[in-house]
Amino acid sequence: MCHNKANISAHFYSTDDSISCIVLIVKNGRACLENNINIFKFLLVISIGQGSAANFIKWMNYEFTENQYLLFDLFCTLIPSILMAK
């Protein structure tokens, strides 16, 4: 395979001259896609959870201090992280 500027800008490429490297490149691409989907799910769960909890707290007419907000964010991020870990 000739080394040109297109290889540098590509996300997945191989320096192997044979076609057998395509299997490895496809596996890497699928793993990257799976990681992106899992990150999206994680961020979606966190944002829905934090938004719902914040609305519930406001509905209860309760105000958090700065430290309580910090612990609240840590709790809302830590629990889904543990539950979604493989």
Protein backbone atom coordinates (compact mmCIF):
# COMPACT_ATOMS: atom_id res chain seq x y z
CA MET A 1 0.00 0.00 0.00
CA CYS A 2 1.43 3.36 -0.87
CA HIS A 3 1.65 5.82 1.98
CA ASN A 4 -0.05 9.02 0.97
CA LYS A 5 -1.86 11.81 2.75
CA ALA A 6 -5.22 10.00 2.48
CA ASN A 7 -3.92 7.31 4.84
CA ILE A 8 -2.97 9.88 7.44
CA SER A 9 -6.44 11.42 7.46
CA ALA A 10 -8.33 8.10 7.46
CA HIS A 11 -9.70 6.78 10.73
CA PHE A 12 -8.85 3.18 9.96
CA TYR A 13 -6.09 2.10 7.61
CA SER A 14 -3.41 -0.54 7.41
CA THR A 15 0.13 -0.53 6.13
CA ASP A 16 -0.25 -4.16 5.03
CA ASP A 17 -0.18 -4.66 1.26
CA SER A 18 -2.59 -7.61 1.25
CA ILE A 19 -6.38 -7.57 1.29
CA SER A 20 -6.47 -9.70 4.47
CA CYS A 21 -6.25 -6.58 6.64
CA ILE A 22 -9.83 -5.64 5.69
CA VAL A 23 -11.23 -7.99 8.35
CA LEU A 24 -9.24 -6.22 11.07
CA ILE A 25 -10.25 -2.79 9.78
CA VAL A 26 -13.95 -3.75 9.74
CA LYS A 27 -13.68 -5.15 13.30
CA ASN A 28 -12.09 -1.89 14.48
CA GLY A 29 -14.81 0.11 12.76
CA ARG A 30 -17.56 -1.93 14.39
CA ALA A 31 -15.93 -1.58 17.81
CA CYS A 32 -15.71 2.18 17.33
CA LEU A 33 -19.38 2.34 16.34
CA GLU A 34 -20.39 0.26 19.37
CA ASN A 35 -18.40 2.57 21.66
CA ASN A 36 -20.08 5.62 20.16
CA ILE A 37 -23.55 4.11 20.63
CA ASN A 38 -22.79 3.21 24.26
CA ILE A 39 -21.48 6.71 24.97
CA PHE A 40 -24.64 8.19 23.47
CA LYS A 41 -26.83 5.93 25.64
CA PHE A 42 -24.81 6.83 28.72
CA LEU A 43 -25.12 10.58 28.10
CA LEU A 44 -28.82 10.20 27.37
CA VAL A 45 -29.45 8.32 30.63
CA ILE A 46 -27.46 10.85 32.65
CA SER A 47 -29.18 13.88 31.13
CA ILE A 48 -32.67 12.42 31.57
CA GLY A 49 -31.88 11.39 35.14
CA GLN A 50 -30.39 14.72 36.12
CA GLY A 51 -33.18 16.67 34.47
CA SER A 52 -35.88 14.61 36.14
CA ALA A 53 -34.22 14.81 39.54
CA ALA A 54 -33.65 18.56 39.24
CA ASN A 55 -37.31 19.10 38.28
CA PHE A 56 -38.42 16.98 41.23
CA ILE A 57 -36.22 18.99 43.61
CA LYS A 58 -37.65 22.26 42.27
CA TRP A 59 -41.16 20.84 42.55
CA MET A 60 -40.46 20.10 46.23
CA ASN A 61 -39.38 23.77 46.70
CA TYR A 62 -35.94 22.78 47.95
CA GLU A 63 -32.73 24.65 47.17
CA PHE A 64 -29.34 22.91 47.04
CA THR A 65 -26.08 24.39 48.22
CA GLU A 66 -23.04 24.24 45.91
CA ASN A 67 -21.67 21.17 47.69
CA GLN A 68 -25.02 19.43 47.47
CA TYR A 69 -25.15 20.08 43.72
CA LEU A 70 -21.65 18.64 43.41
CA LEU A 71 -22.66 15.46 45.26
CA PHE A 72 -25.90 15.32 43.28
CA ASP A 73 -23.97 15.42 39.97
CA LEU A 74 -21.53 12.81 41.24
CA PHE A 75 -24.37 10.52 42.31
CA CYS A 76 -26.28 10.99 39.03
CA THR A 77 -23.13 10.19 37.04
CA LEU A 78 -21.70 7.41 39.18
CA ILE A 79 -24.78 5.19 39.38
CA PRO A 80 -25.36 4.92 35.59
CA SER A 81 -21.61 4.44 35.11
CA ILE A 82 -21.61 1.42 37.38
CA LEU A 83 -24.84 0.01 35.95
CA MET A 84 -23.78 0.42 32.32
CA ALA A 85 -20.25 -0.96 32.76
CA LYS A 86 -19.61 -4.28 31.09
